[in-house]
Amino acid sequence: MADQTTNSVAFVADGNIPESPPPANETGVVKWLRDNLFSGVTNSILTILALVLIYLLLKNTLPWILNGVWNANSLAECREILAGRTGACFAVLTERWPQLIYGFKYPVDAYWRPNVAFVLMLIALAPVLFFDLPRKLLIITAVYPFVAFWLIWGGTILVPVVALLGCVAGGFVFQKAGKNSFAAGFFGAIVAALVVWQAGGWLIPEGASENAWLTAVPSRDLGGYMLNMMLGLTCVSLSLPLGIALALGRQSRMPLIKWISVVFIEFVRGVPLITLLFVASVMLAYFFPPESTVDLFLRVVIMITMFSSAYIAEVIRGGLAALPRGQYEAADSLGLDYPQAMRLIILPQAMKISIPGIVNVAVGLFKDTTLVSVISMFDLVGMIRGPILASTEWNGVYWELWGFAALVFFVVCYGISQYSQWLERRLATDHH
């Protein structure tokens, strides 16, 4: 009996069996290809057709790019260097890059000014785009528009200083009046800013620009890709708060505010942007006092901002409508008034929902800045269509110039799209 008990004791393992390597078709490149490109008959056929299409596209495009000429003074010289071979004439980019970037009238010795403004723009945008940075850096963001204005346009520093004081006064009025009514605070801030700017204009002596540290550059001398960047950044920055105000105004219980917002949004959304640009070029100057000199750049900024703010307002209104009624009731239960509820509870959630739509409007707006070429503003497209292709040296160069324009616009728009996707993932705090 004892022997049977001794023989029935189970064996206890004193170690682990080494793991076997996975099969070759379940790891590495082979697994990725099978999962993503050849996961089925249909996907395999589509993959093969796509590879054939890519081959046909690159078959003629790659030699054209790789044989490109980068150093030449004209299209005829490019053709002499190529000697009958297929190749691009990229020399137009190296020879005319200052005009493509800065326009053909911006002073050459002042190129450093927009370059510094561009670097400062990246620094100023950082605390807005990446909210993990210290909030104190927002002071740089608030001051940047006035510094950039002075760098690019030059002239006396008193102009941006007065404008800054006007905005400070407007912010003070908004903070005080906005406690009772968001709309009253918003429009009160605009009135206060305009009053300070007008009063400050009397204090700026005549001829101050001639004795300024930086040489004044008129708006008509701005051009190239710099003009597209300025219009895009300025109009997006201005249209976002205006769109929020219009969206809230459309949902207001005050009939006058509501109908003003509705009429503005529906009218602007029903008119093509190119029509508004012609209005800015021809008619908008008549709406200002006769003695005022409102240049074309400011008029275009006004019209593009109005256009984009109407679309952003509808996007944000969709975000507000998507919130459940319980969020509004929760704000009421906490004893919050309307401005506090909107600032602390409603708008943060609505803005998170509206991110894809806002980014779509921003990307479309940045690309639509090229329409200013139809009103004789020499942006990047205007430079290509006008002075460059009209010159005898480069008449006939198309693919290289338009390819460069497509590339620089793609880089910015793709960057905006990738940032919005990162922001959506970062703000995805919902629990399912």
Protein backbone atom coordinates (compact mmCIF):
# COMPACT_ATOMS: atom_id res chain seq x y z
CA MET A 1 0.00 0.00 0.00
CA ALA A 2 2.89 2.32 0.81
CA ASP A 3 4.57 1.50 -2.48
CA GLN A 4 1.47 2.47 -4.42
CA THR A 5 1.30 5.80 -2.57
CA THR A 6 4.94 6.54 -3.29
CA ASN A 7 4.60 5.76 -7.01
CA SER A 8 1.49 7.99 -7.39
CA VAL A 9 3.25 11.26 -6.41
CA ALA A 10 2.95 13.78 -9.33
CA PHE A 11 6.03 15.27 -10.98
CA VAL A 12 6.60 18.94 -10.16
CA ALA A 13 8.38 21.02 -12.86
CA ASP A 14 11.35 22.98 -11.59
CA GLY A 15 11.72 25.31 -14.65
CA ASN A 16 9.98 26.81 -17.70
CA ILE A 17 10.08 25.40 -21.16
CA PRO A 18 11.82 27.91 -23.51
CA GLU A 19 9.42 29.82 -25.75
CA SER A 20 9.38 28.73 -29.34
CA PRO A 21 9.94 31.42 -31.99
CA PRO A 22 6.78 32.45 -33.88
CA PRO A 23 6.32 31.15 -37.40
CA ALA A 24 8.02 33.19 -40.11
CA ASN A 25 4.70 34.24 -41.62
CA GLU A 26 3.45 35.63 -38.29
CA THR A 27 6.12 38.25 -37.66
CA GLY A 28 8.07 41.01 -39.34
CA VAL A 29 7.54 42.31 -42.85
CA VAL A 30 5.78 39.18 -44.05
CA LYS A 31 3.04 39.55 -41.44
CA TRP A 32 2.62 43.28 -42.17
CA LEU A 33 2.31 42.64 -45.91
CA ARG A 34 -0.21 39.87 -45.39
CA ASP A 35 -2.32 41.88 -42.92
CA ASN A 36 -2.30 45.18 -44.79
CA LEU A 37 -1.75 44.51 -48.48
CA PHE A 38 -2.59 40.88 -49.23
CA SER A 39 -5.22 39.98 -46.64
CA GLY A 40 -7.63 38.68 -49.26
CA VAL A 41 -8.23 38.23 -52.95
CA THR A 42 -9.80 41.67 -53.40
CA ASN A 43 -7.09 43.45 -51.40
CA SER A 44 -4.39 41.60 -53.27
CA ILE A 45 -5.80 42.66 -56.65
CA LEU A 46 -6.13 46.28 -55.50
CA THR A 47 -2.57 46.25 -54.16
CA ILE A 48 -1.19 44.97 -57.47
CA LEU A 49 -3.16 47.56 -59.44
CA ALA A 50 -1.92 50.33 -57.10
CA LEU A 51 1.69 49.20 -57.52
CA VAL A 52 1.29 49.22 -61.30
CA LEU A 53 -0.16 52.73 -61.18
CA ILE A 54 2.68 53.96 -58.95
CA TYR A 55 5.21 52.42 -61.34
CA LEU A 56 3.65 54.14 -64.34
CA LEU A 57 3.68 57.48 -62.52
CA LEU A 58 7.28 57.20 -61.34
CA LYS A 59 8.55 55.81 -64.64
CA ASN A 60 8.47 59.23 -66.28
CA THR A 61 8.43 61.48 -63.23
CA LEU A 62 11.61 60.28 -61.51
CA PRO A 63 13.93 60.86 -64.51
CA TRP A 64 12.38 64.30 -64.95
CA ILE A 65 13.12 65.17 -61.30
CA LEU A 66 16.55 63.50 -61.02
CA ASN A 67 17.83 65.13 -64.22
CA GLY A 68 16.63 68.56 -63.10
CA VAL A 69 18.84 71.60 -63.66
CA TRP A 70 19.30 73.86 -60.63
CA ASN A 71 21.77 76.42 -61.96
CA ALA A 72 20.76 78.41 -65.03
CA ASN A 73 19.68 81.93 -65.88
CA SER A 74 16.85 81.15 -68.28
CA LEU A 75 14.74 78.37 -69.74
CA ALA A 76 16.83 78.39 -72.91
CA GLU A 77 19.98 77.81 -70.87
CA CYS A 78 18.27 74.92 -69.07
CA ARG A 79 17.47 73.28 -72.40
CA GLU A 80 21.06 73.71 -73.56
CA ILE A 81 22.33 72.00 -70.40
CA LEU A 82 19.83 69.14 -70.77
CA ALA A 83 20.80 68.69 -74.44
CA GLY A 84 17.61 66.89 -75.39
CA ARG A 85 17.32 64.82 -72.22
CA THR A 86 14.18 64.78 -70.09
CA GLY A 87 14.60 66.99 -67.06
CA ALA A 88 13.07 69.75 -65.01
CA CYS A 89 14.27 73.34 -64.95
CA PHE A 90 14.43 73.90 -61.22
CA ALA A 91 16.74 76.83 -61.83
CA VAL A 92 13.67 79.08 -61.88
CA LEU A 93 13.22 78.31 -58.17
CA THR A 94 16.81 79.07 -57.22
CA GLU A 95 16.90 82.22 -59.35
CA ARG A 96 13.48 83.60 -58.36
CA TRP A 97 13.07 82.27 -54.82
CA PRO A 98 13.13 85.78 -53.23
CA GLN A 99 10.16 86.79 -55.37
CA LEU A 100 8.33 83.55 -54.60
CA ILE A 101 8.77 84.06 -50.86
CA TYR A 102 8.77 87.84 -50.35
CA GLY A 103 7.34 89.32 -53.55
CA PHE A 104 9.17 91.49 -56.05
CA LYS A 105 8.82 94.84 -54.23
CA TYR A 106 9.73 94.04 -50.64
CA PRO A 107 13.16 95.60 -49.86
CA VAL A 108 15.98 93.10 -50.18
CA ASP A 109 17.82 94.50 -47.19
CA ALA A 110 14.68 93.97 -45.07
CA TYR A 111 14.24 90.23 -45.69
CA TRP A 112 15.47 89.58 -42.16
CA ARG A 113 12.36 91.26 -40.74
CA PRO A 114 9.75 88.74 -41.98
CA ASN A 115 12.22 85.96 -41.16
CA VAL A 116 12.40 87.10 -37.54
CA ALA A 117 8.62 87.50 -37.48
CA PHE A 118 8.25 83.91 -38.71
CA VAL A 119 10.53 82.55 -35.97
CA LEU A 120 8.68 84.57 -33.35
CA MET A 121 5.40 83.21 -34.75
CA LEU A 122 6.50 79.66 -33.99
CA ILE A 123 7.41 80.70 -30.44
CA ALA A 124 4.11 82.55 -29.97
CA LEU A 125 2.02 79.64 -31.26
CA ALA A 126 3.69 77.08 -29.00
CA PRO A 127 1.75 77.88 -25.77
CA VAL A 128 -1.52 77.98 -27.75
CA LEU A 129 -1.03 74.70 -29.59
CA PHE A 130 0.64 72.77 -26.76
CA PHE A 131 -1.21 73.58 -23.55
CA ASP A 132 1.25 71.69 -21.34
CA LEU A 133 3.59 74.66 -21.56
CA PRO A 134 3.47 77.29 -18.79
CA ARG A 135 0.53 79.67 -19.15
CA LYS A 136 2.83 82.63 -18.56
CA LEU A 137 4.11 82.18 -22.12
CA LEU A 138 0.73 83.40 -23.38
CA ILE A 139 2.05 86.91 -22.76
CA ILE A 140 4.37 86.35 -25.73
CA THR A 141 1.39 85.20 -27.79
CA ALA A 142 -0.59 88.32 -26.87
CA VAL A 143 2.26 90.70 -27.72
CA TYR A 144 3.37 88.91 -30.89
CA PRO A 145 0.81 90.43 -33.36
CA PHE A 146 1.98 93.94 -32.56
CA VAL A 147 5.67 93.03 -32.77
CA ALA A 148 5.12 91.22 -36.08
CA PHE A 149 3.21 94.20 -37.46
CA TRP A 150 6.09 96.51 -36.62
CA LEU A 151 8.70 94.15 -38.04
CA ILE A 152 6.97 93.55 -41.37
CA TRP A 153 5.52 97.00 -42.03
CA GLY A 154 8.13 99.04 -40.16
CA GLY A 155 7.51 102.69 -39.43
CA THR A 156 7.11 104.20 -35.99
CA ILE A 157 6.75 101.88 -33.02
CA LEU A 158 4.02 104.14 -31.63
CA VAL A 159 1.41 102.56 -33.95
CA PRO A 160 1.65 99.01 -32.54
CA VAL A 161 1.98 100.44 -29.01
CA VAL A 162 -1.27 102.38 -29.39
CA ALA A 163 -2.95 99.31 -30.88
CA LEU A 164 -1.76 97.23 -27.93
CA LEU A 165 -3.17 99.76 -25.48
CA GLY A 166 -6.48 99.67 -27.35
CA CYS A 167 -6.66 95.89 -27.05
CA VAL A 168 -5.82 96.11 -23.34
CA ALA A 169 -8.65 98.59 -22.88
CA GLY A 170 -11.00 96.34 -24.85
CA GLY A 171 -10.04 93.35 -22.73
CA PHE A 172 -10.68 95.32 -19.55
CA VAL A 173 -14.15 96.33 -20.76
CA PHE A 174 -14.91 92.76 -21.82
CA GLN A 175 -13.91 91.44 -18.42
CA LYS A 176 -16.19 93.90 -16.64
CA ALA A 177 -19.20 93.92 -18.98
CA GLY A 178 -18.94 90.25 -19.86
CA LYS A 179 -19.99 89.26 -16.35
CA ASN A 180 -23.53 90.29 -17.18
CA SER A 181 -23.70 89.63 -20.92
CA PHE A 182 -21.22 88.00 -23.27
CA ALA A 183 -22.53 89.98 -26.26
CA ALA A 184 -22.35 93.27 -24.34
CA GLY A 185 -18.81 92.53 -23.26
CA PHE A 186 -17.75 91.55 -26.78
CA PHE A 187 -19.14 94.62 -28.52
CA GLY A 188 -18.09 96.87 -25.65
CA ALA A 189 -14.53 95.64 -26.04
CA ILE A 190 -14.60 96.50 -29.75
CA VAL A 191 -15.88 100.01 -29.03
CA ALA A 192 -13.28 100.60 -26.30
CA ALA A 193 -10.46 99.41 -28.55
CA LEU A 194 -11.58 101.67 -31.40
CA VAL A 195 -11.83 104.68 -29.07
CA VAL A 196 -8.29 104.15 -27.76
CA TRP A 197 -6.90 103.64 -31.27
CA GLN A 198 -8.60 106.81 -32.49
CA ALA A 199 -7.36 108.82 -29.52
CA GLY A 200 -3.89 107.39 -29.91
CA GLY A 201 -3.80 108.35 -33.57
CA TRP A 202 -3.96 112.02 -32.57
CA LEU A 203 -0.86 111.58 -30.42
CA ILE A 204 1.32 110.19 -33.21
CA PRO A 205 3.15 113.12 -34.78
CA GLU A 206 3.27 113.58 -38.54
CA GLY A 207 6.44 112.32 -40.14
CA ALA A 208 7.06 109.83 -37.35
CA SER A 209 7.56 107.02 -39.87
CA GLU A 210 10.43 108.88 -41.55
CA ASN A 211 12.37 108.99 -38.28
CA ALA A 212 11.52 105.42 -37.25
CA TRP A 213 13.98 102.66 -36.46
CA LEU A 214 12.65 100.48 -39.26
CA THR A 215 11.94 101.74 -42.75
CA ALA A 216 8.22 101.78 -43.49
CA VAL A 217 7.06 99.28 -46.14
CA PRO A 218 3.60 99.89 -47.68
CA SER A 219 1.15 97.00 -47.92
CA ARG A 220 1.26 97.07 -51.72
CA ASP A 221 4.90 95.92 -51.52
CA LEU A 222 4.00 92.71 -49.68
CA GLY A 223 3.87 89.59 -51.78
CA GLY A 224 4.88 85.99 -52.32
CA TYR A 225 4.26 83.16 -49.93
CA MET A 226 4.80 85.61 -47.07
CA LEU A 227 1.52 87.30 -48.03
CA ASN A 228 -0.34 83.97 -47.99
CA MET A 229 1.03 83.16 -44.53
CA MET A 230 0.11 86.58 -43.18
CA LEU A 231 -3.44 86.43 -44.54
CA GLY A 232 -3.97 82.85 -43.39
CA LEU A 233 -2.67 83.35 -39.85
CA THR A 234 -4.38 86.72 -39.35
CA CYS A 235 -7.77 85.67 -40.71
CA VAL A 236 -7.88 82.34 -38.84
CA SER A 237 -6.89 84.03 -35.58
CA LEU A 238 -9.58 86.70 -35.98
CA SER A 239 -12.34 84.49 -37.35
CA LEU A 240 -12.26 81.97 -34.49
CA PRO A 241 -13.41 84.35 -31.68
CA LEU A 242 -15.78 86.10 -34.09
CA GLY A 243 -17.24 82.73 -35.10
CA ILE A 244 -17.75 81.80 -31.44
CA ALA A 245 -19.55 85.10 -30.84
CA LEU A 246 -21.77 84.55 -33.90
CA ALA A 247 -22.59 80.97 -32.86
CA LEU A 248 -23.59 82.14 -29.39
CA GLY A 249 -25.47 85.06 -30.89
CA ARG A 250 -27.46 82.72 -33.13
CA GLN A 251 -28.57 80.78 -30.05
CA SER A 252 -29.28 83.91 -28.04
CA ARG A 253 -32.72 84.55 -26.59
CA MET A 254 -32.46 88.22 -27.52
CA PRO A 255 -34.27 88.58 -30.87
CA LEU A 256 -32.12 91.46 -32.15
CA ILE A 257 -28.81 89.70 -31.45
CA LYS A 258 -30.14 86.44 -32.85
CA TRP A 259 -31.43 87.88 -36.12
CA ILE A 260 -28.30 89.97 -36.70
CA SER A 261 -26.23 86.80 -36.33
CA VAL A 262 -28.55 84.75 -38.53
CA VAL A 263 -28.64 87.34 -41.33
CA PHE A 264 -24.86 87.79 -41.24
CA ILE A 265 -24.13 84.05 -41.31
CA GLU A 266 -26.63 83.19 -44.04
CA PHE A 267 -25.67 86.15 -46.23
CA VAL A 268 -21.92 85.53 -46.04
CA ARG A 269 -22.28 81.78 -46.58
CA GLY A 270 -24.42 82.44 -49.65
CA VAL A 271 -21.85 84.69 -51.37
CA PRO A 272 -18.66 83.36 -53.04
CA LEU A 273 -15.39 84.49 -51.50
CA ILE A 274 -14.15 85.90 -54.79
CA THR A 275 -17.16 88.25 -54.83
CA LEU A 276 -16.28 89.50 -51.34
CA LEU A 277 -12.70 90.07 -52.48
CA PHE A 278 -13.89 92.24 -55.35
CA VAL A 279 -16.04 94.14 -52.86
CA ALA A 280 -12.95 94.62 -50.68
CA SER A 281 -10.98 95.87 -53.67
CA VAL A 282 -13.58 98.24 -55.14
CA MET A 283 -16.38 99.11 -52.74
CA LEU A 284 -15.28 98.60 -49.12
CA ALA A 285 -13.22 101.79 -49.04
CA TYR A 286 -16.45 103.82 -49.46
CA PHE A 287 -17.75 102.52 -46.09
CA PHE A 288 -14.91 104.25 -44.22
CA PRO A 289 -14.59 107.99 -43.53
CA PRO A 290 -13.31 109.96 -46.57
CA GLU A 291 -10.11 111.07 -44.81
CA SER A 292 -9.19 107.52 -43.73
CA THR A 293 -6.72 105.53 -45.80
CA VAL A 294 -7.60 101.88 -45.36
CA ASP A 295 -5.20 99.93 -47.54
CA LEU A 296 -6.12 96.88 -49.56
CA PHE A 297 -4.49 94.38 -47.19
CA LEU A 298 -6.74 95.43 -44.29
CA ARG A 299 -9.83 95.37 -46.50
CA VAL A 300 -8.99 91.85 -47.68
CA VAL A 301 -8.42 90.72 -44.08
CA ILE A 302 -11.85 92.08 -43.14
CA MET A 303 -13.62 90.24 -45.94
CA ILE A 304 -11.81 86.92 -45.54
CA THR A 305 -12.36 87.06 -41.77
CA MET A 306 -16.07 87.69 -42.27
CA PHE A 307 -16.25 84.80 -44.73
CA SER A 308 -14.47 82.26 -42.55
CA SER A 309 -16.15 83.37 -39.31
CA ALA A 310 -19.57 82.57 -40.79
CA TYR A 311 -18.48 78.99 -41.53
CA ILE A 312 -16.76 78.59 -38.16
CA ALA A 313 -19.93 79.85 -36.48
CA GLU A 314 -21.94 77.04 -38.07
CA VAL A 315 -19.32 74.47 -37.09
CA ILE A 316 -19.37 75.62 -33.47
CA ARG A 317 -23.17 75.78 -33.49
CA GLY A 318 -23.14 72.12 -34.49
CA GLY A 319 -20.87 71.39 -31.54
CA LEU A 320 -23.20 73.25 -29.20
CA ALA A 321 -26.21 71.36 -30.55
CA ALA A 322 -24.41 68.04 -30.06
CA LEU A 323 -24.11 68.55 -26.31
CA PRO A 324 -26.85 66.90 -24.25
CA ARG A 325 -29.27 69.15 -22.42
CA GLY A 326 -27.95 67.77 -19.15
CA GLN A 327 -24.74 69.80 -19.50
CA TYR A 328 -26.72 73.05 -19.48
CA GLU A 329 -28.79 71.83 -16.55
CA ALA A 330 -25.62 70.85 -14.68
CA ALA A 331 -24.30 74.38 -15.11
CA ASP A 332 -27.57 75.78 -13.78
CA SER A 333 -27.49 73.44 -10.81
CA LEU A 334 -24.03 74.73 -9.89
CA GLY A 335 -25.36 78.28 -9.78
CA LEU A 336 -23.28 79.47 -12.74
CA ASP A 337 -24.49 82.41 -14.79
CA TYR A 338 -24.49 82.36 -18.60
CA PRO A 339 -20.91 83.62 -19.21
CA GLN A 340 -19.49 81.28 -16.57
CA ALA A 341 -21.42 78.28 -17.91
CA MET A 342 -20.26 78.95 -21.44
CA ARG A 343 -16.64 79.52 -20.48
CA LEU A 344 -16.25 76.66 -17.99
CA ILE A 345 -18.60 73.90 -19.17
CA ILE A 346 -20.32 74.35 -22.53
CA LEU A 347 -17.73 75.90 -24.86
CA PRO A 348 -14.80 73.58 -23.91
CA GLN A 349 -16.89 70.53 -24.80
CA ALA A 350 -18.36 72.12 -27.93
CA MET A 351 -14.90 73.17 -29.14
CA LYS A 352 -13.61 69.62 -28.68
CA ILE A 353 -16.44 68.27 -30.81
CA SER A 354 -15.88 71.00 -33.40
CA ILE A 355 -12.14 70.43 -33.90
CA PRO A 356 -12.44 68.55 -37.25
CA GLY A 357 -14.80 71.16 -38.68
CA ILE A 358 -12.66 74.10 -37.52
CA VAL A 359 -9.54 72.54 -39.00
CA ASN A 360 -11.38 71.94 -42.27
CA VAL A 361 -12.34 75.62 -42.42
CA ALA A 362 -8.78 76.70 -41.52
CA VAL A 363 -7.21 74.54 -44.23
CA GLY A 364 -9.71 75.75 -46.82
CA LEU A 365 -9.17 79.35 -45.75
CA PHE A 366 -5.39 79.07 -46.08
CA LYS A 367 -5.72 77.69 -49.60
CA ASP A 368 -8.31 80.32 -50.51
CA THR A 369 -5.79 83.08 -49.80
CA THR A 370 -4.51 82.43 -53.31
CA LEU A 371 -7.70 84.05 -54.64
CA VAL A 372 -6.28 87.47 -53.79
CA SER A 373 -4.27 87.21 -57.00
CA VAL A 374 -7.44 88.11 -58.94
CA ILE A 375 -7.49 91.56 -57.31
CA SER A 376 -3.87 92.34 -58.21
CA MET A 377 -2.25 91.20 -54.97
CA PHE A 378 0.96 89.39 -55.80
CA ASP A 379 0.87 86.40 -53.47
CA LEU A 380 2.63 83.18 -54.42
CA VAL A 381 0.14 82.37 -57.20
CA GLY A 382 0.08 85.99 -58.31
CA MET A 383 3.87 86.04 -58.56
CA ILE A 384 3.87 82.89 -60.69
CA ARG A 385 1.07 84.05 -62.98
CA GLY A 386 2.40 87.59 -63.23
CA PRO A 387 6.02 88.72 -63.08
CA ILE A 388 7.71 85.31 -63.34
CA LEU A 389 5.84 83.72 -66.24
CA ALA A 390 5.60 87.10 -67.97
CA SER A 391 9.39 87.41 -68.07
CA THR A 392 11.16 86.34 -71.26
CA GLU A 393 13.70 84.25 -69.31
CA TRP A 394 11.17 81.87 -67.76
CA ASN A 395 8.18 82.02 -70.08
CA GLY A 396 7.18 78.38 -70.58
CA VAL A 397 8.17 77.01 -67.15
CA TYR A 398 4.98 75.66 -65.53
CA TRP A 399 5.33 72.32 -63.79
CA GLU A 400 8.29 73.42 -61.67
CA LEU A 401 6.62 76.59 -60.38
CA TRP A 402 3.18 75.11 -59.77
CA GLY A 403 4.76 72.04 -58.20
CA PHE A 404 6.65 74.28 -55.78
CA ALA A 405 3.42 76.14 -54.91
CA ALA A 406 1.61 72.85 -54.34
CA LEU A 407 4.44 71.58 -52.13
CA VAL A 408 4.61 74.56 -49.78
CA PHE A 409 0.84 74.67 -49.37
CA PHE A 410 0.74 70.91 -48.79
CA VAL A 411 3.38 71.13 -46.05
CA VAL A 412 1.38 73.71 -44.08
CA CYS A 413 -2.02 72.08 -44.61
CA TYR A 414 -0.69 68.61 -43.79
CA GLY A 415 0.91 69.97 -40.63
CA ILE A 416 -2.40 71.51 -39.56
CA SER A 417 -4.18 68.23 -40.23
CA GLN A 418 -1.67 66.17 -38.26
CA TYR A 419 -1.83 68.58 -35.33
CA SER A 420 -5.62 68.37 -35.25
CA GLN A 421 -5.47 64.57 -35.16
CA TRP A 422 -2.96 64.71 -32.30
CA LEU A 423 -5.19 67.18 -30.46
CA GLU A 424 -8.24 64.93 -30.91
CA ARG A 425 -6.33 61.98 -29.45
CA ARG A 426 -5.07 64.13 -26.59
CA LEU A 427 -8.55 65.35 -25.73
CA ALA A 428 -10.20 61.93 -26.09
CA THR A 429 -11.06 61.66 -22.41
CA ASP A 430 -14.52 60.14 -22.82
CA HIS A 431 -15.26 56.88 -21.02
CA HIS A 432 -17.12 54.26 -23.05
